Amino acid sequence: MSDIAKAMNISTVTVSKALADKDGVSEKLRAEIKEKAKELGYVYNRLPLLMREGITYNIGILISERFLGAYSFYWEFYHKLQLLLQKTQYSGLLEIVTADREKECAMPEFIDGNKVDGLIVLGQFSLPYLEEIVKKNKPYVFLDFALDVGGKNSDCVISNNFYGSYTVTNYLIGKGHREIVFVGSLETTSILDRYLGYLRSMMEHKLAYYPPVADRDAEGKYIGIQLPERKATAYVCNNDRVASMLIRTLTEKGFRVPEDVSVTGFDNSEELVDGIGITTMAVDVEKMCEVAVELILKKITTGAEVERGRNLVECKLVQKQSVAVRA
């Protein structure tokens, strides 16, 4: 900085302010100082200063290991988040939490190491784990689930799961189906909301409704689907992956989809299953990620609380080949 100051006949304080992008220097002079710095081979590293001030320009993205796999829907969320963050001055740091670390309530390394300014929690974790996250006093947003933590409504971005499932169940009833069963273990708030949407539709039409058919174990891992003893003409599945599993199970049992049994999913994440397109509710992943990024940046830069804890993003019905009219 002394060399730059001598070369330009200015003070080292002015050089320091210009290179640190602080006030007190005109934009013209700032540009000239930075150009002279390049000529002299000077490289200014702001990281130590930012770390000292508690600013990293990183946002942590936290995902549970149980939600990931080669074809996990959450990879699409992660991809969209990274693309959106690239348009800002922030970068996204991913950390995948194993089941053991979640049980132990072991905090993410980027939080303990103070490497992030805020956190996007993608997919639901256990309540004890989330309580420990909240205690760290980092701005956070829950994405694709809603859960009250610490006695207050936590800021979250979710698809309208309740009305989405309500809509697709109404669609099946409109196709003449009366024996309709929901498939999905009520392990997350999203699945619970989808089950409640199914219940509302069945109750409004005065149809018999049933407990959900399990699709995963207590650890959240997918299991083989056991068909119920009652003869269902249609199934409302909590997501497209489960719908795919169910279609294959039905085929193995000798049922034809959709001629004998209709199946719906949720998320619009599967293309074809044995040549069959799944009728589903399309989740607007891009919009959900846009809202989440906008919200976390607002919380980081202003410290402001949002007026509503829950931010709902609508989804829409996508009709494909897995549903047929029931005579």
C-alpha atoms as a PDB file:
ATOM      1  CA  MET A   1       0.000   0.000   0.000  1.00  0.00           C
ATOM      2  CA  SER A   2       2.926   2.324   0.675  1.00  0.00           C
ATOM      3  CA  ASP A   3       4.281   1.704  -2.847  1.00  0.00           C
ATOM      4  CA  ILE A   4       0.880   2.480  -4.389  1.00  0.00           C
ATOM      5  CA  ALA A   5       0.560   5.638  -2.277  1.00  0.00           C
ATOM      6  CA  LYS A   6       4.028   6.910  -3.344  1.00  0.00           C
ATOM      7  CA  ALA A   7       3.371   6.110  -7.006  1.00  0.00           C
ATOM      8  CA  MET A   8       0.106   8.075  -6.972  1.00  0.00           C
ATOM      9  CA  ASN A   9       1.151  10.756  -4.464  1.00  0.00           C
ATOM     10  CA  ILE A  10      -1.679   9.950  -2.076  1.00  0.00           C
ATOM     11  CA  SER A  11      -1.880   8.642   1.490  1.00  0.00           C
ATOM     12  CA  THR A  12      -1.778   4.980   2.484  1.00  0.00           C
ATOM     13  CA  VAL A  13      -5.097   5.552   4.308  1.00  0.00           C
ATOM     14  CA  THR A  14      -6.735   6.466   1.005  1.00  0.00           C
ATOM     15  CA  VAL A  15      -5.249   3.361  -0.627  1.00  0.00           C
ATOM     16  CA  SER A  16      -6.502   1.181   2.219  1.00  0.00           C
ATOM     17  CA  LYS A  17     -10.024   2.575   1.993  1.00  0.00           C
ATOM     18  CA  ALA A  18     -10.116   2.127  -1.780  1.00  0.00           C
ATOM     19  CA  LEU A  19      -8.942  -1.485  -1.706  1.00  0.00           C
ATOM     20  CA  ALA A  20     -11.326  -2.319   1.157  1.00  0.00           C
ATOM     21  CA  ASP A  21     -14.263  -0.670  -0.694  1.00  0.00           C
ATOM     22  CA  LYS A  22     -14.899   1.689   2.203  1.00  0.00           C
ATOM     23  CA  ASP A  23     -16.407   5.178   2.106  1.00  0.00           C
ATOM     24  CA  GLY A  24     -14.262   8.296   1.828  1.00  0.00           C
ATOM     25  CA  VAL A  25     -12.868   7.685  -1.664  1.00  0.00           C
ATOM     26  CA  SER A  26     -14.444   8.748  -4.957  1.00  0.00           C
ATOM     27  CA  GLU A  27     -15.343   5.994  -7.398  1.00  0.00           C
ATOM     28  CA  LYS A  28     -12.950   7.454  -9.985  1.00  0.00           C
ATOM     29  CA  LEU A  29     -10.009   7.471  -7.582  1.00  0.00           C
ATOM     30  CA  ARG A  30     -10.939   4.021  -6.257  1.00  0.00           C
ATOM     31  CA  ALA A  31     -10.789   2.613  -9.807  1.00  0.00           C
ATOM     32  CA  GLU A  32      -7.426   4.310 -10.453  1.00  0.00           C
ATOM     33  CA  ILE A  33      -5.978   2.905  -7.205  1.00  0.00           C
ATOM     34  CA  LYS A  34      -7.153  -0.623  -8.013  1.00  0.00           C
ATOM     35  CA  GLU A  35      -5.694  -0.332 -11.522  1.00  0.00           C
ATOM     36  CA  LYS A  36      -2.340   0.829 -10.098  1.00  0.00           C
ATOM     37  CA  ALA A  37      -2.457  -2.078  -7.628  1.00  0.00           C
ATOM     38  CA  LYS A  38      -2.799  -4.507 -10.532  1.00  0.00           C
ATOM     39  CA  GLU A  39       0.128  -2.885 -12.343  1.00  0.00           C
ATOM     40  CA  LEU A  40       2.325  -3.349  -9.275  1.00  0.00           C
ATOM     41  CA  GLY A  41       1.206  -6.970  -8.797  1.00  0.00           C
ATOM     42  CA  TYR A  42      -0.596  -6.189  -5.560  1.00  0.00           C
ATOM     43  CA  VAL A  43      -3.202  -8.730  -4.372  1.00  0.00           C
ATOM     44  CA  TYR A  44      -5.596  -7.623  -1.653  1.00  0.00           C
ATOM     45  CA  ASN A  45      -7.047 -10.457   0.443  1.00  0.00           C
ATOM     46  CA  ARG A  46     -10.195  -9.339   2.257  1.00  0.00           C
ATOM     47  CA  LEU A  47     -10.841 -12.724   3.927  1.00  0.00           C
ATOM     48  CA  PRO A  48      -8.957 -12.043   7.212  1.00  0.00           C
ATOM     49  CA  LEU A  49     -10.799  -8.740   7.601  1.00  0.00           C
ATOM     50  CA  LEU A  50     -14.169 -10.282   6.816  1.00  0.00           C
ATOM     51  CA  MET A  51     -13.550 -13.138   9.254  1.00  0.00           C
ATOM     52  CA  ARG A  52     -12.561 -10.647  11.928  1.00  0.00           C
ATOM     53  CA  GLU A  53     -15.802  -8.768  11.292  1.00  0.00           C
ATOM     54  CA  GLY A  54     -17.764 -12.024  11.351  1.00  0.00           C
ATOM     55  CA  ILE A  55     -18.665 -11.969   7.639  1.00  0.00           C
ATOM     56  CA  THR A  56     -17.957 -14.938   5.351  1.00  0.00           C
ATOM     57  CA  TYR A  57     -20.315 -14.446   2.389  1.00  0.00           C
ATOM     58  CA  ASN A  58     -21.151 -18.144   2.672  1.00  0.00           C
ATOM     59  CA  ILE A  59     -24.556 -19.709   3.221  1.00  0.00           C
ATOM     60  CA  GLY A  60     -24.682 -23.240   4.584  1.00  0.00           C
ATOM     61  CA  ILE A  61     -27.018 -25.759   2.932  1.00  0.00           C
ATOM     62  CA  LEU A  62     -27.801 -28.618   5.289  1.00  0.00           C
ATOM     63  CA  ILE A  63     -29.307 -31.940   4.133  1.00  0.00           C
ATOM     64  CA  SER A  64     -29.898 -35.214   5.956  1.00  0.00           C
ATOM     65  CA  GLU A  65     -28.173 -38.234   4.440  1.00  0.00           C
ATOM     66  CA  ARG A  66     -31.437 -40.196   4.480  1.00  0.00           C
ATOM     67  CA  PHE A  67     -32.968 -37.848   1.918  1.00  0.00           C
ATOM     68  CA  LEU A  68     -30.203 -38.308  -0.620  1.00  0.00           C
ATOM     69  CA  GLY A  69     -29.553 -40.900  -3.286  1.00  0.00           C
ATOM     70  CA  ALA A  70     -28.750 -41.064  -6.971  1.00  0.00           C
ATOM     71  CA  TYR A  71     -32.230 -39.845  -7.916  1.00  0.00           C
ATOM     72  CA  SER A  72     -33.147 -37.779  -4.871  1.00  0.00           C
ATOM     73  CA  PHE A  73     -35.556 -34.908  -5.496  1.00  0.00           C
ATOM     74  CA  TYR A  74     -33.397 -32.772  -3.203  1.00  0.00           C
ATOM     75  CA  TRP A  75     -30.500 -32.675  -5.685  1.00  0.00           C
ATOM     76  CA  GLU A  76     -32.755 -30.497  -7.840  1.00  0.00           C
ATOM     77  CA  PHE A  77     -33.331 -28.163  -4.883  1.00  0.00           C
ATOM     78  CA  TYR A  78     -29.585 -27.994  -4.198  1.00  0.00           C
ATOM     79  CA  HIS A  79     -28.817 -27.275  -7.853  1.00  0.00           C
ATOM     80  CA  LYS A  80     -31.351 -24.429  -7.982  1.00  0.00           C
ATOM     81  CA  LEU A  81     -30.044 -22.933  -4.724  1.00  0.00           C
ATOM     82  CA  GLN A  82     -26.481 -22.873  -6.048  1.00  0.00           C
ATOM     83  CA  LEU A  83     -27.536 -21.235  -9.320  1.00  0.00           C
ATOM     84  CA  LEU A  84     -29.441 -18.539  -7.429  1.00  0.00           C
ATOM     85  CA  LEU A  85     -26.594 -17.883  -4.993  1.00  0.00           C
ATOM     86  CA  GLN A  86     -24.164 -17.506  -7.901  1.00  0.00           C
ATOM     87  CA  LYS A  87     -26.111 -14.389  -8.882  1.00  0.00           C
ATOM     88  CA  THR A  88     -25.352 -12.849  -5.480  1.00  0.00           C
ATOM     89  CA  GLN A  89     -22.143 -12.199  -3.563  1.00  0.00           C
ATOM     90  CA  TYR A  90     -22.767 -15.353  -1.518  1.00  0.00           C
ATOM     91  CA  SER A  91     -21.603 -18.932  -2.039  1.00  0.00           C
ATOM     92  CA  GLY A  92     -23.353 -22.106  -0.905  1.00  0.00           C
ATOM     93  CA  LEU A  93     -21.566 -24.659   1.270  1.00  0.00           C
ATOM     94  CA  LEU A  94     -23.151 -28.121   1.387  1.00  0.00           C
ATOM     95  CA  GLU A  95     -22.977 -30.397   4.421  1.00  0.00           C
ATOM     96  CA  ILE A  96     -24.641 -33.814   4.522  1.00  0.00           C
ATOM     97  CA  VAL A  97     -25.563 -34.977   8.024  1.00  0.00           C
ATOM     98  CA  THR A  98     -25.349 -38.692   8.751  1.00  0.00           C
ATOM     99  CA  ALA A  99     -27.900 -40.466  10.935  1.00  0.00           C
ATOM    100  CA  ASP A 100     -25.324 -40.867  13.734  1.00  0.00           C
ATOM    101  CA  ARG A 101     -24.421 -37.181  13.763  1.00  0.00           C
ATOM    102  CA  GLU A 102     -28.085 -36.250  13.814  1.00  0.00           C
ATOM    103  CA  LYS A 103     -28.742 -38.558  16.797  1.00  0.00           C
ATOM    104  CA  GLU A 104     -25.735 -37.124  18.622  1.00  0.00           C
ATOM    105  CA  CYS A 105     -26.866 -33.583  17.758  1.00  0.00           C
ATOM    106  CA  ALA A 106     -23.387 -32.956  16.377  1.00  0.00           C
ATOM    107  CA  MET A 107     -23.401 -29.538  14.773  1.00  0.00           C
ATOM    108  CA  PRO A 108     -22.314 -28.948  11.172  1.00  0.00           C
ATOM    109  CA  GLU A 109     -18.638 -28.111  10.801  1.00  0.00           C
ATOM    110  CA  PHE A 110     -19.409 -24.900   8.930  1.00  0.00           C
ATOM    111  CA  ILE A 111     -21.372 -23.661  11.963  1.00  0.00           C
ATOM    112  CA  ASP A 112     -18.863 -24.681  14.613  1.00  0.00           C
ATOM    113  CA  GLY A 113     -16.088 -23.230  12.453  1.00  0.00           C
ATOM    114  CA  ASN A 114     -18.047 -19.996  11.925  1.00  0.00           C
ATOM    115  CA  LYS A 115     -17.746 -20.412   8.152  1.00  0.00           C
ATOM    116  CA  VAL A 116     -21.280 -19.324   7.216  1.00  0.00           C
ATOM    117  CA  ASP A 117     -23.407 -16.221   7.741  1.00  0.00           C
ATOM    118  CA  GLY A 118     -26.712 -18.095   7.519  1.00  0.00           C
ATOM    119  CA  LEU A 119     -28.235 -21.491   6.984  1.00  0.00           C
ATOM    120  CA  ILE A 120     -30.791 -23.109   4.668  1.00  0.00           C
ATOM    121  CA  VAL A 121     -32.004 -26.392   6.169  1.00  0.00           C
ATOM    122  CA  LEU A 122     -33.209 -28.513   3.248  1.00  0.00           C
ATOM    123  CA  GLY A 123     -35.525 -31.288   4.447  1.00  0.00           C
ATOM    124  CA  GLN A 124     -36.699 -32.094   7.958  1.00  0.00           C
ATOM    125  CA  PHE A 125     -34.398 -33.113  10.808  1.00  0.00           C
ATOM    126  CA  SER A 126     -35.329 -34.347  14.278  1.00  0.00           C
ATOM    127  CA  LEU A 127     -36.632 -31.716  16.688  1.00  0.00           C
ATOM    128  CA  PRO A 128     -33.677 -32.066  19.142  1.00  0.00           C
ATOM    129  CA  TYR A 129     -31.220 -31.514  16.279  1.00  0.00           C
ATOM    130  CA  LEU A 130     -33.080 -28.447  15.021  1.00  0.00           C
ATOM    131  CA  GLU A 131     -33.237 -27.044  18.546  1.00  0.00           C
ATOM    132  CA  GLU A 132     -29.443 -27.205  18.721  1.00  0.00           C
ATOM    133  CA  ILE A 133     -29.205 -25.499  15.328  1.00  0.00           C
ATOM    134  CA  VAL A 134     -31.441 -22.648  16.488  1.00  0.00           C
ATOM    135  CA  LYS A 135     -29.359 -22.181  19.645  1.00  0.00           C
ATOM    136  CA  LYS A 136     -26.386 -21.201  17.464  1.00  0.00           C
ATOM    137  CA  ASN A 137     -28.137 -17.892  16.712  1.00  0.00           C
ATOM    138  CA  LYS A 138     -27.409 -18.002  12.991  1.00  0.00           C
ATOM    139  CA  PRO A 139     -30.095 -16.725  10.598  1.00  0.00           C
ATOM    140  CA  TYR A 140     -31.843 -19.763   9.156  1.00  0.00           C
ATOM    141  CA  VAL A 141     -34.653 -20.808   6.831  1.00  0.00           C
ATOM    142  CA  PHE A 142     -36.318 -24.211   6.677  1.00  0.00           C
ATOM    143  CA  LEU A 143     -36.914 -25.351   3.095  1.00  0.00           C
ATOM    144  CA  ASP A 144     -39.553 -27.970   2.197  1.00  0.00           C
ATOM    145  CA  PHE A 145     -40.769 -28.475   5.758  1.00  0.00           C
ATOM    146  CA  ALA A 146     -42.398 -26.482   8.534  1.00  0.00           C
ATOM    147  CA  LEU A 147     -41.731 -27.090  12.203  1.00  0.00           C
ATOM    148  CA  ASP A 148     -42.001 -24.838  15.228  1.00  0.00           C
ATOM    149  CA  VAL A 149     -38.690 -24.797  17.093  1.00  0.00           C
ATOM    150  CA  GLY A 150     -37.917 -23.009  20.323  1.00  0.00           C
ATOM    151  CA  GLY A 151     -41.545 -22.138  20.998  1.00  0.00           C
ATOM    152  CA  LYS A 152     -42.032 -19.978  17.916  1.00  0.00           C
ATOM    153  CA  ASN A 153     -42.958 -20.248  14.261  1.00  0.00           C
ATOM    154  CA  SER A 154     -39.703 -20.867  12.444  1.00  0.00           C
ATOM    155  CA  ASP A 155     -39.273 -19.175   9.071  1.00  0.00           C
ATOM    156  CA  CYS A 156     -39.847 -21.727   6.332  1.00  0.00           C
ATOM    157  CA  VAL A 157     -40.668 -22.141   2.651  1.00  0.00           C
ATOM    158  CA  ILE A 158     -42.972 -25.010   1.720  1.00  0.00           C
ATOM    159  CA  SER A 159     -45.141 -26.128  -1.166  1.00  0.00           C
ATOM    160  CA  ASN A 160     -48.873 -26.093  -0.499  1.00  0.00           C
ATOM    161  CA  ASN A 161     -48.865 -29.778   0.406  1.00  0.00           C
ATOM    162  CA  PHE A 162     -52.286 -29.819   2.035  1.00  0.00           C
ATOM    163  CA  TYR A 163     -54.214 -28.371  -0.899  1.00  0.00           C
ATOM    164  CA  GLY A 164     -52.037 -30.200  -3.380  1.00  0.00           C
ATOM    165  CA  SER A 165     -53.028 -33.571  -1.947  1.00  0.00           C
ATOM    166  CA  TYR A 166     -56.606 -32.373  -1.534  1.00  0.00           C
ATOM    167  CA  THR A 167     -56.641 -31.459  -5.235  1.00  0.00           C
ATOM    168  CA  VAL A 168     -55.256 -34.765  -6.488  1.00  0.00           C
ATOM    169  CA  THR A 169     -57.662 -36.760  -4.265  1.00  0.00           C
ATOM    170  CA  ASN A 170     -60.580 -34.713  -5.608  1.00  0.00           C
ATOM    171  CA  TYR A 171     -59.305 -35.506  -9.099  1.00  0.00           C
ATOM    172  CA  LEU A 172     -59.455 -39.253  -8.407  1.00  0.00           C
ATOM    173  CA  ILE A 173     -62.945 -38.956  -6.962  1.00  0.00           C
ATOM    174  CA  GLY A 174     -63.972 -37.030 -10.071  1.00  0.00           C
ATOM    175  CA  LYS A 175     -62.754 -39.996 -12.109  1.00  0.00           C
ATOM    176  CA  GLY A 176     -65.205 -42.256 -10.262  1.00  0.00           C
ATOM    177  CA  HIS A 177     -62.902 -43.700  -7.583  1.00  0.00           C
ATOM    178  CA  ARG A 178     -64.337 -44.294  -4.120  1.00  0.00           C
ATOM    179  CA  GLU A 179     -61.896 -46.751  -2.460  1.00  0.00           C
ATOM    180  CA  ILE A 180     -58.815 -44.565  -2.218  1.00  0.00           C
ATOM    181  CA  VAL A 181     -55.817 -45.219   0.053  1.00  0.00           C
ATOM    182  CA  PHE A 182     -52.951 -42.902   1.019  1.00  0.00           C
ATOM    183  CA  VAL A 183     -49.371 -44.229   0.902  1.00  0.00           C
ATOM    184  CA  GLY A 184     -46.753 -42.589   3.096  1.00  0.00           C
ATOM    185  CA  SER A 185     -45.369 -42.859   6.621  1.00  0.00           C
ATOM    186  CA  LEU A 186     -46.118 -39.673   8.554  1.00  0.00           C
ATOM    187  CA  GLU A 187     -42.453 -38.994   9.326  1.00  0.00           C
ATOM    188  CA  THR A 188     -42.307 -35.369   8.159  1.00  0.00           C
ATOM    189  CA  THR A 189     -44.613 -32.374   8.283  1.00  0.00           C
ATOM    190  CA  SER A 190     -44.837 -32.393   4.473  1.00  0.00           C
ATOM    191  CA  ILE A 191     -46.144 -35.967   4.367  1.00  0.00           C
ATOM    192  CA  LEU A 192     -48.521 -35.261   7.244  1.00  0.00           C
ATOM    193  CA  ASP A 193     -49.944 -32.244   5.407  1.00  0.00           C
ATOM    194  CA  ARG A 194     -50.426 -34.365   2.291  1.00  0.00           C
ATOM    195  CA  TYR A 195     -52.250 -37.025   4.298  1.00  0.00           C
ATOM    196  CA  LEU A 196     -54.495 -34.382   5.871  1.00  0.00           C
ATOM    197  CA  GLY A 197     -55.325 -33.044   2.409  1.00  0.00           C
ATOM    198  CA  TYR A 198     -56.362 -36.573   1.399  1.00  0.00           C
ATOM    199  CA  LEU A 199     -58.496 -36.841   4.549  1.00  0.00           C
ATOM    200  CA  ARG A 200     -60.288 -33.564   3.905  1.00  0.00           C
ATOM    201  CA  SER A 201     -61.239 -34.617   0.373  1.00  0.00           C
ATOM    202  CA  MET A 202     -62.504 -38.029   1.518  1.00  0.00           C
ATOM    203  CA  MET A 203     -64.479 -36.508   4.402  1.00  0.00           C
ATOM    204  CA  GLU A 204     -66.065 -33.819   2.222  1.00  0.00           C
ATOM    205  CA  HIS A 205     -67.265 -36.510  -0.182  1.00  0.00           C
ATOM    206  CA  LYS A 206     -68.440 -38.694   2.731  1.00  0.00           C
ATOM    207  CA  LEU A 207     -66.159 -41.547   1.692  1.00  0.00           C
ATOM    208  CA  ALA A 208     -64.448 -44.059   3.975  1.00  0.00           C
ATOM    209  CA  TYR A 209     -60.852 -43.056   4.699  1.00  0.00           C
ATOM    210  CA  TYR A 210     -58.065 -45.218   6.049  1.00  0.00           C
ATOM    211  CA  PRO A 211     -54.780 -45.019   7.960  1.00  0.00           C
ATOM    212  CA  PRO A 212     -51.809 -44.481   5.662  1.00  0.00           C
ATOM    213  CA  VAL A 213     -49.848 -47.396   4.219  1.00  0.00           C
ATOM    214  CA  ALA A 214     -46.219 -47.281   5.425  1.00  0.00           C
ATOM    215  CA  ASP A 215     -43.499 -46.589   2.881  1.00  0.00           C
ATOM    216  CA  ARG A 216     -40.459 -46.192   5.182  1.00  0.00           C
ATOM    217  CA  ASP A 217     -39.109 -47.383   8.514  1.00  0.00           C
ATOM    218  CA  ALA A 218     -38.432 -45.475  11.738  1.00  0.00           C
ATOM    219  CA  GLU A 219     -35.058 -44.346  10.343  1.00  0.00           C
ATOM    220  CA  GLY A 220     -36.750 -42.801   7.323  1.00  0.00           C
ATOM    221  CA  LYS A 221     -35.471 -45.439   4.874  1.00  0.00           C
ATOM    222  CA  TYR A 222     -37.804 -46.707   2.158  1.00  0.00           C
ATOM    223  CA  ILE A 223     -39.228 -50.195   2.630  1.00  0.00           C
ATOM    224  CA  GLY A 224     -41.259 -52.545   0.486  1.00  0.00           C
ATOM    225  CA  ILE A 225     -44.904 -51.451   0.248  1.00  0.00           C
ATOM    226  CA  GLN A 226     -47.393 -53.928   1.663  1.00  0.00           C
ATOM    227  CA  LEU A 227     -50.711 -53.665  -0.150  1.00  0.00           C
ATOM    228  CA  PRO A 228     -53.681 -53.308   2.229  1.00  0.00           C
ATOM    229  CA  GLU A 229     -56.232 -56.114   2.550  1.00  0.00           C
ATOM    230  CA  ARG A 230     -59.038 -53.821   1.387  1.00  0.00           C
ATOM    231  CA  LYS A 231     -59.303 -53.582  -2.378  1.00  0.00           C
ATOM    232  CA  ALA A 232     -58.397 -50.035  -3.338  1.00  0.00           C
ATOM    233  CA  THR A 233     -59.147 -48.720  -6.803  1.00  0.00           C
ATOM    234  CA  ALA A 234     -56.731 -45.808  -6.416  1.00  0.00           C
ATOM    235  CA  TYR A 235     -53.751 -44.731  -4.330  1.00  0.00           C
ATOM    236  CA  VAL A 236     -52.565 -41.253  -3.376  1.00  0.00           C
ATOM    237  CA  CYS A 237     -48.788 -41.508  -2.848  1.00  0.00           C
ATOM    238  CA  ASN A 238     -46.853 -38.900  -0.886  1.00  0.00           C
ATOM    239  CA  ASN A 239     -44.246 -38.541  -3.646  1.00  0.00           C
ATOM    240  CA  ASP A 240     -43.387 -39.813  -7.105  1.00  0.00           C
ATOM    241  CA  ARG A 241     -40.680 -42.187  -5.933  1.00  0.00           C
ATOM    242  CA  VAL A 242     -43.209 -43.987  -3.733  1.00  0.00           C
ATOM    243  CA  ALA A 243     -45.688 -43.990  -6.617  1.00  0.00           C
ATOM    244  CA  SER A 244     -43.029 -45.686  -8.768  1.00  0.00           C
ATOM    245  CA  MET A 245     -42.415 -48.302  -6.072  1.00  0.00           C
ATOM    246  CA  LEU A 246     -46.157 -48.907  -5.745  1.00  0.00           C
ATOM    247  CA  ILE A 247     -46.686 -49.315  -9.496  1.00  0.00           C
ATOM    248  CA  ARG A 248     -43.982 -51.983  -9.615  1.00  0.00           C
ATOM    249  CA  THR A 249     -45.479 -53.734  -6.577  1.00  0.00           C
ATOM    250  CA  LEU A 250     -48.942 -53.706  -8.150  1.00  0.00           C
ATOM    251  CA  THR A 251     -47.540 -55.077 -11.412  1.00  0.00           C
ATOM    252  CA  GLU A 252     -45.806 -57.904  -9.559  1.00  0.00           C
ATOM    253  CA  LYS A 253     -49.123 -58.753  -7.895  1.00  0.00           C
ATOM    254  CA  GLY A 254     -50.870 -58.992 -11.262  1.00  0.00           C
ATOM    255  CA  PHE A 255     -52.638 -55.612 -11.253  1.00  0.00           C
ATOM    256  CA  ARG A 256     -52.595 -53.350 -14.304  1.00  0.00           C
ATOM    257  CA  VAL A 257     -52.002 -49.626 -13.929  1.00  0.00           C
ATOM    258  CA  PRO A 258     -54.199 -47.756 -14.682  1.00  0.00           C
ATOM    259  CA  GLU A 259     -56.729 -50.284 -16.005  1.00  0.00           C
ATOM    260  CA  ASP A 260     -57.201 -52.030 -12.641  1.00  0.00           C
ATOM    261  CA  VAL A 261     -55.726 -49.527 -10.199  1.00  0.00           C
ATOM    262  CA  SER A 262     -54.935 -45.813 -10.531  1.00  0.00           C
ATOM    263  CA  VAL A 263     -51.896 -44.232  -8.859  1.00  0.00           C
ATOM    264  CA  THR A 264     -50.956 -40.604  -8.209  1.00  0.00           C
ATOM    265  CA  GLY A 265     -47.733 -39.102  -6.899  1.00  0.00           C
ATOM    266  CA  PHE A 266     -46.410 -35.733  -5.780  1.00  0.00           C
ATOM    267  CA  ASP A 267     -43.415 -33.568  -6.852  1.00  0.00           C
ATOM    268  CA  ASN A 268     -43.420 -34.264 -10.627  1.00  0.00           C
ATOM    269  CA  SER A 269     -39.941 -35.755 -10.312  1.00  0.00           C
ATOM    270  CA  GLU A 270     -40.330 -39.052 -12.223  1.00  0.00           C
ATOM    271  CA  GLU A 271     -40.605 -39.326 -16.003  1.00  0.00           C
ATOM    272  CA  LEU A 272     -41.846 -42.858 -16.743  1.00  0.00           C
ATOM    273  CA  VAL A 273     -42.282 -46.069 -14.762  1.00  0.00           C
ATOM    274  CA  ASP A 274     -42.441 -49.079 -17.067  1.00  0.00           C
ATOM    275  CA  GLY A 275     -43.729 -46.768 -19.783  1.00  0.00           C
ATOM    276  CA  ILE A 276     -46.339 -45.135 -17.521  1.00  0.00           C
ATOM    277  CA  GLY A 277     -46.296 -41.432 -16.709  1.00  0.00           C
ATOM    278  CA  ILE A 278     -47.345 -40.668 -13.138  1.00  0.00           C
ATOM    279  CA  THR A 279     -50.223 -38.250 -12.592  1.00  0.00           C
ATOM    280  CA  THR A 280     -48.833 -35.937  -9.952  1.00  0.00           C
ATOM    281  CA  MET A 281     -48.696 -32.503  -8.323  1.00  0.00           C
ATOM    282  CA  ALA A 282     -45.860 -30.398  -9.725  1.00  0.00           C
ATOM    283  CA  VAL A 283     -43.861 -28.613  -7.036  1.00  0.00           C
ATOM    284  CA  ASP A 284     -42.387 -25.257  -8.114  1.00  0.00           C
ATOM    285  CA  VAL A 285     -38.822 -25.954  -6.970  1.00  0.00           C
ATOM    286  CA  GLU A 286     -37.388 -22.822  -8.553  1.00  0.00           C
ATOM    287  CA  LYS A 287     -39.913 -20.540  -6.873  1.00  0.00           C
ATOM    288  CA  MET A 288     -39.399 -22.221  -3.500  1.00  0.00           C
ATOM    289  CA  CYS A 289     -35.629 -21.759  -3.793  1.00  0.00           C
ATOM    290  CA  GLU A 290     -36.034 -18.141  -4.909  1.00  0.00           C
ATOM    291  CA  VAL A 291     -38.132 -17.366  -1.845  1.00  0.00           C
ATOM    292  CA  ALA A 292     -35.701 -19.196   0.454  1.00  0.00           C
ATOM    293  CA  VAL A 293     -32.651 -17.338  -0.898  1.00  0.00           C
ATOM    294  CA  GLU A 294     -34.426 -13.977  -0.797  1.00  0.00           C
ATOM    295  CA  LEU A 295     -35.523 -14.644   2.780  1.00  0.00           C
ATOM    296  CA  ILE A 296     -32.127 -15.785   4.110  1.00  0.00           C
ATOM    297  CA  LEU A 297     -30.333 -12.832   2.482  1.00  0.00           C
ATOM    298  CA  LYS A 298     -32.846 -10.433   4.013  1.00  0.00           C
ATOM    299  CA  LYS A 299     -32.334 -11.987   7.440  1.00  0.00           C
ATOM    300  CA  ILE A 300     -28.535 -11.847   7.089  1.00  0.00           C
ATOM    301  CA  THR A 301     -28.264  -8.291   5.786  1.00  0.00           C
ATOM    302  CA  THR A 302     -30.971  -6.617   7.856  1.00  0.00           C
ATOM    303  CA  GLY A 303     -31.628  -8.959  10.747  1.00  0.00           C
ATOM    304  CA  ALA A 304     -35.317  -8.466  10.005  1.00  0.00           C
ATOM    305  CA  GLU A 305     -37.967 -10.945  11.026  1.00  0.00           C
ATOM    306  CA  VAL A 306     -40.492 -11.917   8.387  1.00  0.00           C
ATOM    307  CA  GLU A 307     -44.132 -11.116   9.044  1.00  0.00           C
ATOM    308  CA  ARG A 308     -45.195 -14.713   8.326  1.00  0.00           C
ATOM    309  CA  GLY A 309     -43.276 -17.738   9.471  1.00  0.00           C
ATOM    310  CA  ARG A 310     -44.669 -19.979   6.721  1.00  0.00           C
ATOM    311  CA  ASN A 311     -44.202 -19.038   3.083  1.00  0.00           C
ATOM    312  CA  LEU A 312     -46.450 -21.176   0.858  1.00  0.00           C
ATOM    313  CA  VAL A 313     -45.691 -21.853  -2.805  1.00  0.00           C
ATOM    314  CA  GLU A 314     -48.545 -23.294  -4.862  1.00  0.00           C
ATOM    315  CA  CYS A 315     -48.296 -26.531  -6.855  1.00  0.00           C
ATOM    316  CA  LYS A 316     -50.367 -27.714  -9.818  1.00  0.00           C
ATOM    317  CA  LEU A 317     -51.915 -30.942 -11.095  1.00  0.00           C
ATOM    318  CA  VAL A 318     -50.114 -32.691 -13.957  1.00  0.00           C
ATOM    319  CA  GLN A 319     -52.242 -35.345 -15.656  1.00  0.00           C
ATOM    320  CA  LYS A 320     -50.416 -38.330 -17.128  1.00  0.00           C
ATOM    321  CA  GLN A 321     -51.178 -42.012 -17.802  1.00  0.00           C
ATOM    322  CA  SER A 322     -51.390 -43.548 -14.317  1.00  0.00           C
ATOM    323  CA  VAL A 323     -55.057 -42.648 -13.721  1.00  0.00           C
ATOM    324  CA  ALA A 324     -58.093 -44.058 -15.526  1.00  0.00           C
ATOM    325  CA  VAL A 325     -61.830 -43.479 -15.197  1.00  0.00           C
ATOM    326  CA  ARG A 326     -63.507 -45.931 -12.817  1.00  0.00           C
ATOM    327  CA  ALA A 327     -66.701 -47.280 -14.391  1.00  0.00           C
END
